[in-house]
């Protein structure tokens, strides 16, 4: 996985399949999150929070997708609502 291939401008999890979401999650990861935050939100006060929110969005999006595939629509909607709340907190440059 190449470091620079994951640009914030390319992020659009709403159109991704679970495998794509997994790749972005692996890129952000726990250990690399500070590096990703500095790359995506240089000099911003809340850069770590924004990166964490994107990661949480990806996790919840993946769960919602898997629930829908398994016919658990009501449960999926709960996770999609969480995604909506997270999205509202993202800065403009992080929105897709």
Protein backbone atom coordinates (compact mmCIF):
# COMPACT_ATOMS: atom_id res chain seq x y z
CA UNK A 1 0.00 0.00 0.00
CA UNK A 2 1.59 3.24 -1.10
CA UNK A 3 1.51 6.10 1.37
CA UNK A 4 0.55 8.86 -1.06
CA UNK A 5 -2.11 6.92 -2.94
CA UNK A 6 -4.63 7.67 -0.17
CA UNK A 7 -5.39 11.35 -0.61
CA UNK A 8 -8.20 13.00 1.29
CA UNK A 9 -9.53 14.41 -1.99
CA UNK A 10 -10.08 10.83 -3.23
CA UNK A 11 -12.12 9.72 -0.22
CA UNK A 12 -15.78 8.92 -0.92
CA UNK A 13 -16.81 6.02 1.31
CA UNK A 14 -20.46 6.17 0.25
CA UNK A 15 -19.56 4.54 -3.05
CA UNK A 16 -17.13 1.97 -1.62
CA UNK A 17 -17.45 -1.74 -1.05
CA UNK A 18 -16.20 -3.30 2.21
CA UNK A 19 -12.84 -4.21 0.66
CA UNK A 20 -12.24 -0.59 -0.32
CA UNK A 21 -13.25 0.57 3.14
CA UNK A 22 -10.80 -1.94 4.63
CA UNK A 23 -7.97 -0.47 2.55
CA UNK A 24 -8.68 3.05 3.78
CA UNK A 25 -8.99 1.79 7.36
CA UNK A 26 -5.66 0.01 7.07
CA UNK A 27 -4.10 3.21 5.73
CA UNK A 28 -5.39 5.35 8.58
CA UNK A 29 -4.71 2.66 11.17
CA UNK A 30 -3.98 3.25 14.84
CA UNK A 31 -0.20 3.61 14.52
CA UNK A 32 -0.23 5.84 11.44
CA UNK A 33 -3.09 8.12 12.41
CA UNK A 34 -0.81 11.02 13.49
CA UNK A 35 1.00 10.91 10.14
CA UNK A 36 -2.28 10.77 8.24
CA UNK A 37 -3.71 13.66 10.28
CA UNK A 38 -0.68 15.81 9.48
CA UNK A 39 -0.92 14.93 5.78
CA UNK A 40 -4.67 15.53 5.46
CA UNK A 41 -5.10 18.47 7.85
CA UNK A 42 -1.73 20.21 8.13
CA UNK A 43 -1.58 22.74 10.94
CA UNK A 44 -5.23 22.41 11.91
CA UNK A 45 -6.11 22.45 15.58
CA UNK A 46 -8.43 19.43 15.37
CA UNK A 47 -6.49 17.37 12.83
CA UNK A 48 -6.43 14.25 15.02
CA UNK A 49 -10.14 14.51 15.79
CA UNK A 50 -10.99 14.91 12.09
CA UNK A 51 -8.92 11.86 11.18
CA UNK A 52 -10.49 9.82 13.99
CA UNK A 53 -13.95 10.88 12.80
CA UNK A 54 -13.17 9.76 9.26
CA UNK A 55 -11.96 6.42 10.58
CA UNK A 56 -15.11 6.02 12.68
CA UNK A 57 -17.23 6.90 9.65
CA UNK A 58 -15.50 4.19 7.62
CA UNK A 59 -16.02 1.60 10.36
CA UNK A 60 -19.70 2.42 10.74
CA UNK A 61 -20.21 2.53 6.97
CA UNK A 62 -18.75 -0.95 6.65
CA UNK A 63 -20.99 -2.32 9.40
CA UNK A 64 -24.06 -0.72 7.78
CA UNK A 65 -23.16 -2.23 4.41
CA UNK A 66 -22.74 -5.71 5.88
CA UNK A 67 -26.01 -5.44 7.79
CA UNK A 68 -27.85 -4.44 4.59
CA UNK A 69 -26.35 -7.37 2.69
CA UNK A 70 -27.62 -9.66 5.44
CA UNK A 71 -31.14 -8.17 5.30
CA UNK A 72 -30.92 -6.33 8.61
CA UNK A 73 -32.11 -3.01 7.21
CA UNK A 74 -33.32 -1.45 10.48
CA UNK A 75 -29.97 -2.13 12.11
CA UNK A 76 -28.14 -0.79 9.06
CA UNK A 77 -30.09 2.46 9.25
CA UNK A 78 -28.87 2.96 12.83
CA UNK A 79 -25.26 2.81 11.65
CA UNK A 80 -26.01 5.05 8.69
CA UNK A 81 -27.45 7.60 11.12
CA UNK A 82 -24.19 7.47 13.06
CA UNK A 83 -22.36 8.14 9.78
CA UNK A 84 -24.59 11.15 9.12
CA UNK A 85 -23.77 12.60 12.54
CA UNK A 86 -20.05 12.09 12.01
CA UNK A 87 -20.21 13.63 8.53
CA UNK A 88 -21.81 16.79 9.89
CA UNK A 89 -18.82 17.27 12.21
CA UNK A 90 -16.22 17.02 9.43
CA UNK A 91 -14.56 20.16 8.11
CA UNK A 92 -15.50 21.28 4.59
CA UNK A 93 -12.28 20.00 3.02
CA UNK A 94 -12.98 16.50 4.34
CA UNK A 95 -16.49 16.23 2.91
CA UNK A 96 -17.25 14.33 -0.26
